[in-house]
Protein backbone atom coordinates (compact mmCIF):
# COMPACT_ATOMS: atom_id res chain seq x y z
CA MET A 1 -97.04 11.25 87.96
CA ASN A 2 -99.90 10.55 85.57
CA ASP A 3 -100.82 6.79 87.20
CA THR A 4 -103.11 6.59 83.59
CA LEU A 5 -99.97 6.65 81.10
CA LEU A 6 -96.66 4.56 81.17
CA HIS A 7 -93.95 6.07 82.79
CA HIS A 8 -91.26 8.22 80.11
CA ARG A 9 -88.06 10.23 79.49
CA ALA A 10 -88.35 12.99 76.70
CA GLU A 11 -84.94 14.44 75.90
CA GLY A 12 -83.80 16.61 72.59
CA PRO A 13 -85.60 19.96 71.36
CA ALA A 14 -89.32 20.11 71.71
CA SER A 15 -89.54 21.04 68.10
CA ALA A 16 -86.98 18.17 66.36
CA PRO A 17 -88.73 15.59 64.69
CA PRO A 18 -90.05 12.72 67.61
CA LEU A 19 -88.85 9.41 68.27
CA LEU A 20 -90.32 6.77 70.37
CA LEU A 21 -87.80 3.97 71.93
CA GLY A 22 -89.87 1.08 73.26
CA PRO A 23 -87.67 -1.55 75.74
CA SER A 24 -87.17 -5.16 76.42
CA LEU A 25 -89.28 -7.25 78.57
CA GLY A 26 -87.86 -6.89 81.93
CA THR A 27 -85.65 -4.11 81.09
CA SER A 28 -86.32 0.06 81.70
CA LEU A 29 -85.90 2.84 79.87
CA ALA A 30 -82.22 2.84 80.92
CA LEU A 31 -81.52 0.39 78.00
CA TRP A 32 -81.16 3.62 75.85
CA ASP A 33 -79.11 5.23 78.42
CA ARG A 34 -75.87 4.61 76.01
CA VAL A 35 -77.93 5.72 72.69
CA ALA A 36 -80.43 8.69 73.34
CA PRO A 37 -78.36 11.06 74.30
CA GLU A 38 -77.23 11.18 71.04
CA LEU A 39 -80.15 10.73 68.66
CA SER A 40 -81.68 13.53 70.68
CA ALA A 41 -79.04 16.02 69.32
CA GLY A 42 -81.52 15.74 65.94
CA HIS A 43 -84.72 14.02 67.26
CA ARG A 44 -87.49 14.18 69.90
CA VAL A 45 -86.50 11.51 71.60
CA ILE A 46 -89.03 9.61 74.33
CA ARG A 47 -88.25 6.59 76.13
CA TRP A 48 -91.08 4.73 78.02
CA ASP A 49 -90.82 1.95 80.55
CA LEU A 50 -93.64 -1.19 79.95
CA PRO A 51 -96.48 -1.39 82.88
CA GLY A 52 -94.42 -2.89 85.98
CA HIS A 53 -90.81 -1.83 84.76
CA GLY A 54 -89.36 1.55 85.87
CA GLY A 55 -91.46 3.75 86.73
CA SER A 56 -94.91 2.28 84.69
CA PRO A 57 -97.68 1.71 86.95
CA ALA A 58 -98.61 -1.98 86.68
CA ARG A 59 -102.22 -1.60 86.63
CA LEU A 60 -101.82 -0.53 83.00
CA LEU A 61 -101.49 -4.15 81.97
CA ARG A 62 -103.44 -7.44 83.40
CA ALA A 63 -103.44 -10.97 82.28
CA GLY A 64 -104.31 -11.57 78.79
CA ALA A 65 -103.12 -8.62 77.86
CA THR A 66 -101.57 -8.26 73.93
CA VAL A 67 -99.29 -6.36 71.81
CA GLY A 68 -102.29 -4.37 70.60
CA ASP A 69 -102.55 -3.27 74.24
CA LEU A 70 -99.31 -1.85 74.60
CA ALA A 71 -99.90 -0.49 71.25
CA ASP A 72 -102.53 1.61 72.32
CA LEU A 73 -100.58 2.66 75.74
CA VAL A 74 -98.12 4.10 73.23
CA LEU A 75 -100.39 5.60 71.09
CA ALA A 76 -102.15 7.10 74.31
CA LEU A 77 -98.57 8.65 75.40
CA ALA A 78 -97.81 10.16 72.20
CA ASP A 79 -101.17 11.59 72.12
CA ALA A 80 -100.65 12.83 75.89
CA LEU A 81 -97.68 14.28 74.59
CA GLY A 82 -99.14 15.92 71.14
CA VAL A 83 -97.33 13.91 69.09
CA GLU A 84 -98.99 13.01 66.02
CA ARG A 85 -96.29 10.83 63.82
CA PHE A 86 -93.38 9.37 64.81
CA ALA A 87 -90.04 7.74 64.34
CA TYR A 88 -89.94 4.74 66.46
CA ALA A 89 -87.45 2.20 67.63
CA GLY A 90 -88.05 -0.80 70.07
CA VAL A 91 -85.93 -3.78 71.50
CA SER A 92 -87.82 -7.54 71.82
CA LEU A 93 -91.11 -6.66 72.85
CA GLY A 94 -90.80 -2.84 72.49
CA GLY A 95 -89.92 -4.10 68.96
CA ALA A 96 -93.24 -6.20 68.55
CA VAL A 97 -94.99 -3.20 70.05
CA GLY A 98 -93.36 -1.22 66.64
CA LEU A 99 -94.98 -3.88 64.32
CA GLN A 100 -97.84 -3.78 65.74
CA LEU A 101 -97.96 -0.02 65.46
CA ALA A 102 -96.73 -0.13 61.79
CA LEU A 103 -99.69 -2.88 61.09
CA ARG A 104 -102.74 -1.23 62.98
CA HIS A 105 -101.78 2.64 62.48
CA PRO A 106 -99.04 3.24 60.13
CA GLU A 107 -100.24 6.70 59.81
CA ARG A 108 -98.32 7.38 62.90
CA LEU A 109 -95.22 6.28 61.61
CA SER A 110 -92.61 8.14 59.98
CA SER A 111 -90.30 5.20 59.69
CA LEU A 112 -89.45 1.60 62.00
CA ALA A 113 -86.51 0.15 63.37
CA VAL A 114 -86.82 -3.02 65.03
CA ILE A 115 -84.06 -4.38 67.13
CA CYS A 116 -83.41 -7.91 68.56
CA SER A 117 -87.11 -8.62 67.84
CA SER A 118 -88.83 -11.30 66.02
CA ALA A 119 -92.96 -11.40 64.17
CA HIS A 120 -92.91 -14.06 66.56
CA PHE A 121 -91.25 -15.45 69.63
CA ASN A 122 -91.53 -19.74 69.28
CA GLY A 123 -94.74 -20.20 69.81
CA GLU A 124 -97.62 -19.63 73.08
CA ARG A 125 -96.03 -22.37 75.59
CA PRO A 126 -92.45 -21.04 76.66
CA TRP A 127 -94.16 -17.93 77.62
CA ARG A 128 -97.30 -19.03 79.23
CA ASP A 129 -95.10 -21.17 81.27
CA ARG A 130 -92.98 -18.61 82.34
CA ALA A 131 -96.13 -16.01 82.86
CA ALA A 132 -96.91 -18.99 85.55
CA LEU A 133 -93.65 -19.30 86.84
CA VAL A 134 -93.41 -16.02 87.47
CA ARG A 135 -97.06 -15.55 88.62
CA ARG A 136 -95.88 -18.37 91.11
CA GLU A 137 -92.21 -17.59 92.19
CA GLY A 138 -91.76 -13.81 91.16
CA LEU A 139 -88.69 -13.14 89.50
CA ALA A 140 -85.41 -14.01 91.46
CA GLN A 141 -85.29 -16.91 89.49
CA LEU A 142 -85.40 -15.16 86.02
CA ALA A 143 -83.09 -12.26 87.31
CA GLU A 144 -80.23 -14.49 88.24
CA SER A 145 -80.05 -15.88 84.24
CA ALA A 146 -80.39 -12.37 82.88
CA ASN A 147 -76.89 -12.12 82.25
CA ASP A 148 -77.04 -15.24 80.03
CA ARG A 149 -80.03 -14.27 78.29
CA TRP A 150 -79.20 -11.11 77.33
CA PHE A 151 -75.22 -10.59 76.67
CA THR A 152 -72.74 -12.05 75.44
CA PRO A 153 -70.24 -14.16 78.21
CA GLY A 154 -68.49 -11.14 80.27
CA PHE A 155 -70.41 -8.45 79.55
CA THR A 156 -72.98 -6.93 81.70
CA VAL A 157 -75.43 -4.17 82.78
CA GLU A 158 -76.11 -4.08 86.73
CA ARG A 159 -78.83 -1.35 86.44
CA LEU A 160 -80.61 -3.40 83.82
CA VAL A 161 -80.19 -6.85 86.13
CA ARG A 162 -81.68 -4.52 88.83
CA ASP A 163 -84.84 -3.49 86.86
CA HIS A 164 -85.17 -6.73 86.02
CA ARG A 165 -85.19 -7.84 89.65
CA GLY A 166 -87.42 -5.00 90.99
CA ALA A 167 -90.46 -5.26 88.02
CA ASP A 168 -93.75 -6.14 89.23
CA PRO A 169 -94.14 -9.83 88.58
CA GLU A 170 -98.02 -9.64 87.92
CA ALA A 171 -97.23 -6.56 84.82
CA TYR A 172 -94.00 -8.63 83.80
CA ALA A 173 -96.02 -11.87 83.78
CA ALA A 174 -98.70 -10.40 81.31
CA CYS A 175 -96.45 -8.79 79.22
CA CYS A 176 -95.16 -13.04 78.78
CA ASP A 177 -98.94 -13.06 77.83
CA ALA A 178 -98.61 -10.89 75.09
CA LEU A 179 -96.07 -12.36 73.47
CA ALA A 180 -97.41 -15.99 73.51
CA ALA A 181 -100.29 -14.41 71.56
CA PHE A 182 -98.00 -12.23 69.03
CA ASP A 183 -97.49 -13.73 65.44
CA VAL A 184 -97.89 -11.05 62.69
CA ARG A 185 -95.44 -13.01 59.72
CA ASP A 186 -98.67 -13.26 58.09
CA ARG A 187 -99.52 -9.74 57.81
CA LEU A 188 -95.68 -8.32 57.32
CA GLY A 189 -96.09 -8.06 53.48
CA GLY A 190 -98.59 -5.42 54.79
CA ILE A 191 -95.73 -2.85 56.58
CA SER A 192 -95.55 0.40 54.36
CA VAL A 193 -93.11 2.30 56.50
CA PRO A 194 -89.69 2.57 56.02
CA THR A 195 -88.01 -0.59 57.90
CA LEU A 196 -84.63 -0.85 59.44
CA LEU A 197 -84.26 -4.49 61.06
CA ILE A 198 -81.28 -4.60 63.97
CA ALA A 199 -80.21 -8.27 64.47
CA GLY A 200 -77.49 -8.89 67.52
CA ARG A 201 -75.43 -11.91 65.54
CA GLU A 202 -74.88 -13.58 69.45
CA ASP A 203 -78.48 -13.47 70.22
CA PRO A 204 -80.25 -16.80 71.30
CA ALA A 205 -83.37 -15.39 72.48
CA THR A 206 -84.35 -13.83 68.55
CA PRO A 207 -81.50 -14.80 66.52
CA PRO A 208 -80.64 -13.08 62.91
CA ALA A 209 -82.66 -15.52 61.23
CA HIS A 210 -86.20 -14.08 62.62
CA LEU A 211 -85.14 -10.46 62.15
CA ARG A 212 -84.36 -11.61 58.52
CA GLU A 213 -87.73 -13.31 57.94
CA ILE A 214 -88.71 -9.56 58.47
CA ALA A 215 -86.80 -8.08 56.24
CA ASP A 216 -87.34 -10.85 53.68
CA ALA A 217 -91.22 -9.92 54.00
CA VAL A 218 -91.54 -6.69 54.61
CA PRO A 219 -91.16 -4.23 50.80
CA GLY A 220 -88.37 -2.31 51.11
CA ALA A 221 -86.83 -3.12 54.23
CA THR A 222 -82.87 -3.48 55.52
CA LEU A 223 -81.44 -5.62 57.73
CA VAL A 224 -78.02 -4.78 59.94
CA GLU A 225 -76.43 -7.62 62.13
CA VAL A 226 -74.40 -6.54 64.76
CA PRO A 227 -71.27 -8.47 65.91
CA GLY A 228 -70.41 -8.92 69.37
CA ALA A 229 -74.12 -8.42 70.35
CA SER A 230 -76.42 -10.55 72.24
CA HIS A 231 -80.12 -9.24 72.85
CA LEU A 232 -79.73 -5.95 74.11
CA ALA A 233 -77.62 -4.97 71.52
CA PRO A 234 -78.25 -1.04 72.50
CA ALA A 235 -76.39 -1.74 75.49
CA GLU A 236 -73.89 -4.11 74.83
CA ARG A 237 -72.90 -2.25 71.22
CA PRO A 238 -74.08 0.98 71.43
CA GLU A 239 -72.11 2.83 68.49
CA ALA A 240 -73.23 -0.18 66.45
CA VAL A 241 -76.91 0.51 67.08
CA LEU A 242 -76.47 4.40 67.14
CA ALA A 243 -74.84 4.33 63.54
CA ALA A 244 -77.49 2.32 62.00
CA LEU A 245 -80.14 4.23 63.94
CA ARG A 246 -78.78 7.49 62.71
CA SER A 247 -78.66 6.21 59.01
CA HIS A 248 -82.01 5.22 59.03
CA PHE A 249 -84.06 7.68 60.69
CA ASP A 250 -82.06 10.91 59.58
CA GLY A 251 -83.94 11.73 56.83
CA HIS A 252 -81.68 15.51 56.98
CA ALA A 253 -78.48 13.58 56.65
CA ARG A 254 -79.91 11.95 53.38
CA ARG A 255 -81.29 14.77 51.88
CA GLY A 256 -78.22 16.49 53.08
CA MET A 257 -75.71 14.12 51.27
CA ALA A 258 -77.81 14.32 48.22
CA VAL A 259 -77.59 18.06 48.40
CA ARG A 260 -73.94 18.08 49.33
CA ARG A 261 -72.47 16.20 46.16
CA ALA A 262 -74.89 18.15 43.63
CA VAL A 263 -73.98 21.36 44.88
CA LEU A 264 -70.20 20.70 45.39
CA GLY A 265 -69.91 17.63 43.41
CA ASP A 266 -69.02 14.31 43.77
CA ALA A 267 -65.13 14.20 43.88
CA HIS A 268 -64.78 16.88 46.59
CA VAL A 269 -67.44 14.99 49.05
CA ASP A 270 -65.74 11.61 48.45
CA ARG A 271 -62.18 13.22 49.36
CA ALA A 272 -64.04 14.49 52.49
CA GLN A 273 -65.48 11.29 53.08
CA ALA A 274 -62.26 9.62 52.46
CA ARG A 275 -60.17 12.01 54.71
CA GLN A 276 -62.89 11.07 57.56
CA THR A 277 -61.42 9.58 60.95
CA PRO A 278 -63.64 8.61 64.04
CA PHE A 279 -62.40 12.35 65.76
CA THR A 280 -63.81 14.26 62.41
CA ALA A 281 -66.66 11.96 61.84
CA PRO A 282 -69.18 13.81 64.09
CA PHE A 283 -68.19 17.07 62.17
CA GLN A 284 -69.15 15.31 58.82
CA ASP A 285 -72.38 14.33 60.10
CA PHE A 286 -73.25 17.31 61.59
CA ILE A 287 -72.36 19.14 58.20
CA SER A 288 -75.00 16.90 55.82
CA ARG A 289 -77.70 17.07 58.66
CA TYR A 290 -77.62 20.61 59.45
CA ALA A 291 -75.64 22.99 56.61
CA TRP A 292 -76.84 20.48 54.03
CA GLY A 293 -80.00 18.74 55.50
CA GLU A 294 -81.65 22.01 56.45
CA ILE A 295 -80.49 24.67 55.53
CA TRP A 296 -79.66 24.21 52.00
CA THR A 297 -82.71 22.08 51.71
CA ASP A 298 -85.34 24.94 52.80
CA GLU A 299 -86.55 26.41 49.57
CA THR A 300 -87.77 29.40 50.70
CA LEU A 301 -83.89 30.66 48.88
CA SER A 302 -82.94 29.46 45.41
CA ARG A 303 -79.70 27.58 45.78
CA ARG A 304 -78.47 30.18 43.14
CA GLU A 305 -79.64 33.00 45.98
CA ARG A 306 -77.57 30.53 48.65
CA SER A 307 -74.46 30.58 46.84
CA MET A 308 -74.64 34.42 46.16
CA ILE A 309 -75.33 34.63 50.11
CA THR A 310 -72.32 32.17 50.84
CA LEU A 311 -69.91 33.89 48.02
CA THR A 312 -70.39 37.11 50.02
CA ALA A 313 -69.90 35.60 53.71
CA LEU A 314 -66.96 33.75 52.88
CA VAL A 315 -65.06 36.84 51.48
CA ALA A 316 -66.56 39.00 54.51
CA HIS A 317 -64.51 36.34 56.84
CA GLY A 318 -61.50 35.62 54.76
CA HIS A 319 -62.34 32.20 54.19
CA TYR A 320 -61.02 32.34 50.72
CA GLU A 321 -60.30 28.29 50.56
CA GLU A 322 -63.94 27.41 50.78
CA LEU A 323 -64.70 30.86 48.76
CA ALA A 324 -62.79 28.68 45.84
CA MET A 325 -64.75 25.78 46.75
CA HIS A 326 -68.30 27.43 46.76
CA VAL A 327 -67.29 29.69 43.25
CA ARG A 328 -67.02 25.83 41.48
CA ALA A 329 -70.44 25.28 43.70
CA ALA A 330 -72.20 28.43 41.95
CA ARG A 331 -71.35 27.16 38.60
CA ARG A 332 -72.85 24.23 39.36
CA ASN A 333 -75.51 26.24 40.60
CA GLY A 334 -76.31 28.17 37.58
CA LEU A 335 -74.13 31.34 38.64
CA THR A 336 -72.43 32.90 35.40
CA PRO A 337 -68.83 34.29 35.67
CA GLN A 338 -70.26 37.79 34.77
CA GLU A 339 -73.02 37.03 37.85
CA ILE A 340 -70.05 36.02 40.64
CA GLY A 341 -68.22 38.92 39.19
CA ALA A 342 -71.35 40.97 40.19
CA VAL A 343 -71.42 39.22 43.79
CA LEU A 344 -67.99 40.42 44.49
CA LEU A 345 -67.76 43.54 43.34
CA GLN A 346 -70.54 44.18 45.76
CA THR A 347 -68.61 42.83 48.78
CA ALA A 348 -65.79 45.54 47.98
CA VAL A 349 -68.24 48.37 48.99
CA TYR A 350 -69.11 46.33 52.29
CA CYS A 351 -66.61 44.16 52.76
CA GLY A 352 -63.45 45.99 52.05
CA VAL A 353 -61.21 46.55 48.94
CA PRO A 354 -58.33 44.33 49.64
CA ALA A 355 -61.07 41.21 50.54
CA ALA A 356 -62.68 41.63 47.35
CA ASN A 357 -59.21 42.01 45.43
CA SER A 358 -58.01 38.40 47.42
CA ALA A 359 -61.39 37.04 46.38
CA PHE A 360 -61.20 38.21 42.84
CA ALA A 361 -58.13 36.41 42.57
CA THR A 362 -59.10 33.19 44.03
CA ALA A 363 -62.38 32.94 41.91
CA GLN A 364 -60.55 33.83 38.63
CA ARG A 365 -57.77 31.34 39.01
CA VAL A 366 -61.24 28.87 39.45
CA LEU A 367 -63.02 30.09 36.59
CA ALA A 368 -59.64 29.63 34.68
CA GLU A 369 -59.42 26.05 35.84
CA GLU A 370 -63.36 25.49 35.40
CA ASP A 371 -64.23 27.36 32.69
CA GLY A 372 -61.35 28.65 30.56
CA VAL A 373 -62.65 32.35 31.88
CA ALA A 374 -59.22 34.33 30.51
CA GLY A 375 -57.36 36.29 32.95
């Protein structure tokens, strides 16, 4: 292990857009266990441990540390991994690190999500007192009250409580020093990266008002409140946090939905969305992200050319219901009925006369409906 870097875990394709995930004080990268694997389907997810937590060396942070020091450690990790620009999400202290990165190094961030965190943490005194307690007595007493601070009644994640108990007291206290000194309320208006705030509605440590304060000050920021979540929302309500993060970070999905509507029409997409169920939702997300968000947005081929290729492929495989939809799409993409006919005639040579015969019948019906083309 490199003892000059934060301990981390990377998941997902190396070529995918990088996304760094930061933890809360007292936890480890296990905080993201129910979210990171899902995010890694479309991102290179890199989650890291605070100094003295999980696998990170305690000596990376000293007494009197600042959130800026932690941000520098995150940038050092990104540099070591060859990551120049990245999306970032962090919880509590990890969220404060994200705010610091957005203020000091906006050129490194593509987007930011701040979860159950704050632009300030209720003044210096509570954190100075906690740091003194931990330096004097260790973490056993604090670990006993972790469930009350982190989760709604009756919920727990034993792994995170164990990680709290096993953290290095001096490094934990140094993190408390960082929280004590952190207050960026007067600088929030200078954050320029796309920013999402996620609040746990039952969070006593950083209540929704703290996240609302950031959302009101950061230009264009979005606030999502998660019902039934306390301070560690990614562990307690992973599905809600995952949905919010995907919506915020997944530019392919946003671009894909826009292209999908432009090519197929609002009515078709609205019907597909209305029929969506929890079972089919991952497939609909896949279609928007991959087919429409990555393939159809590639400017190497025009939409006209993509329509011609799509028509040919659908004829070749006998997908005539899909063919009808894409004949309509071809008209939106600028193909004339004569050009569509020429494409289908080409398929007669390479896909067979019976396939082309069925395709012409489908296309003729659609064109008659759409354009009044005579049979």
